[in-house]
Amino acid sequence: MNTDPEKLANVLQVLAAESRVRILQLLREKAFCVNALAMRLQVTQSAVSQHLRIMREAKLVVDERCGPRVHYRLNEATLARWRAEIDALLAPPDRTDDKPENQP
């Protein structure tokens, strides 16, 4: 898999914030509203909303209206694509021979 470096950098940037990683971990369990996430993370609703906005723009989370509340869940398709891209980046190189490129 030949991943676009700019897209991969954007993925890693979204995951670079500790709060967003914690949100991702919580959303792996089930969908949550902003208030429930804020309580579990012990941060303000505003802070959670800002992180969710970034995650929504990256298509990592999707929102679903449930009465007066909006619940957020992970976008499993995006998560699977990101996992594959990161795996491809970190995988050992495919070596058919161990000679450096400039040697005969």
Protein backbone atom coordinates (compact mmCIF):
# COMPACT_ATOMS: atom_id res chain seq x y z
CA MET A 1 0.00 0.00 0.00
CA ASN A 2 1.50 3.31 -1.09
CA THR A 3 0.07 5.90 1.29
CA ASP A 4 0.02 9.62 0.53
CA PRO A 5 2.39 11.18 3.11
CA GLU A 6 0.16 14.25 3.53
CA LYS A 7 -2.93 12.15 4.28
CA LEU A 8 -0.96 9.97 6.68
CA ALA A 9 0.40 13.04 8.47
CA ASN A 10 -3.18 14.31 8.87
CA VAL A 11 -4.24 10.98 10.37
CA LEU A 12 -1.39 11.08 12.84
CA GLN A 13 -2.13 14.73 13.67
CA VAL A 14 -5.72 13.86 14.58
CA LEU A 15 -4.44 11.10 16.86
CA ALA A 16 -1.65 13.23 18.34
CA ALA A 17 -3.83 14.80 21.06
CA GLU A 18 -4.17 12.74 24.23
CA SER A 19 -7.80 13.80 24.69
CA ARG A 20 -8.72 12.60 21.22
CA VAL A 21 -7.05 9.25 21.89
CA ARG A 22 -9.05 8.96 25.11
CA ILE A 23 -12.26 9.83 23.23
CA LEU A 24 -11.42 7.18 20.63
CA GLN A 25 -10.90 4.62 23.41
CA LEU A 26 -14.28 5.45 24.95
CA LEU A 27 -16.08 5.37 21.61
CA ARG A 28 -14.65 1.90 20.92
CA GLU A 29 -17.00 0.71 23.70
CA LYS A 30 -20.19 2.50 22.60
CA ALA A 31 -21.66 5.80 21.39
CA PHE A 32 -21.63 8.76 23.78
CA CYS A 33 -23.03 12.28 23.89
CA VAL A 34 -20.76 15.26 24.57
CA ASN A 35 -21.87 15.54 28.19
CA ALA A 36 -21.12 11.89 28.95
CA LEU A 37 -17.70 12.15 27.32
CA ALA A 38 -16.92 15.34 29.25
CA MET A 39 -17.84 13.67 32.54
CA ARG A 40 -15.70 10.59 31.83
CA LEU A 41 -12.73 12.66 30.67
CA GLN A 42 -13.19 15.29 33.39
CA VAL A 43 -12.95 18.15 30.91
CA THR A 44 -15.42 20.78 29.76
CA GLN A 45 -18.12 20.08 27.21
CA SER A 46 -16.58 22.81 25.09
CA ALA A 47 -13.23 20.99 25.03
CA VAL A 48 -14.92 17.72 24.04
CA SER A 49 -16.89 19.51 21.32
CA GLN A 50 -13.70 20.97 19.86
CA HIS A 51 -12.03 17.56 19.76
CA LEU A 52 -15.12 15.95 18.24
CA ARG A 53 -15.23 18.64 15.57
CA ILE A 54 -11.67 17.75 14.52
CA MET A 55 -12.50 14.04 14.61
CA ARG A 56 -15.72 14.62 12.62
CA GLU A 57 -13.87 16.65 9.96
CA ALA A 58 -11.42 13.75 9.65
CA LYS A 59 -14.41 11.39 9.28
CA LEU A 60 -13.24 9.43 12.33
CA VAL A 61 -16.55 9.92 14.15
CA VAL A 62 -20.12 10.28 12.99
CA ASP A 63 -22.92 11.98 14.86
CA GLU A 64 -26.44 10.64 15.30
CA ARG A 65 -29.30 12.65 16.72
CA CYS A 66 -31.08 10.80 19.52
CA GLY A 67 -33.91 13.07 20.68
CA PRO A 68 -32.45 16.31 21.97
CA ARG A 69 -28.94 14.85 22.21
CA VAL A 70 -26.33 14.03 19.62
CA HIS A 71 -24.45 10.78 20.12
CA TYR A 72 -21.07 10.20 18.58
CA ARG A 73 -19.70 6.87 17.43
CA LEU A 74 -16.61 5.76 15.57
CA ASN A 75 -16.70 5.51 11.81
CA GLU A 76 -15.46 1.92 11.52
CA ALA A 77 -14.66 2.26 7.81
CA THR A 78 -12.35 5.22 8.44
CA LEU A 79 -10.79 3.47 11.43
CA ALA A 80 -10.06 0.36 9.32
CA ARG A 81 -8.52 2.46 6.54
CA TRP A 82 -6.35 4.37 9.02
CA ARG A 83 -5.24 1.13 10.67
CA ALA A 84 -4.16 -0.26 7.29
CA GLU A 85 -2.30 2.95 6.38
CA ILE A 86 -0.46 3.06 9.71
CA ASP A 87 0.33 -0.67 9.48
CA ALA A 88 1.75 -0.10 5.98
CA LEU A 89 3.90 2.75 7.25
CA LEU A 90 5.29 0.77 10.17
CA ALA A 91 5.64 -2.61 8.45
CA PRO A 92 9.15 -3.85 7.76
CA PRO A 93 10.25 -3.25 4.18
CA ASP A 94 9.56 -5.98 1.65
CA ARG A 95 13.07 -7.12 0.75
CA THR A 96 13.57 -9.49 -2.13
CA ASP A 97 17.32 -9.20 -1.70
CA ASP A 98 19.45 -7.50 0.90
CA LYS A 99 21.72 -5.60 -1.51
CA PRO A 100 21.61 -1.80 -1.38
CA GLU A 101 20.05 -0.23 -4.48
CA ASN A 102 23.30 1.20 -5.84
CA GLN A 103 25.26 -2.07 -5.71
CA PRO A 104 25.25 -4.60 -8.58
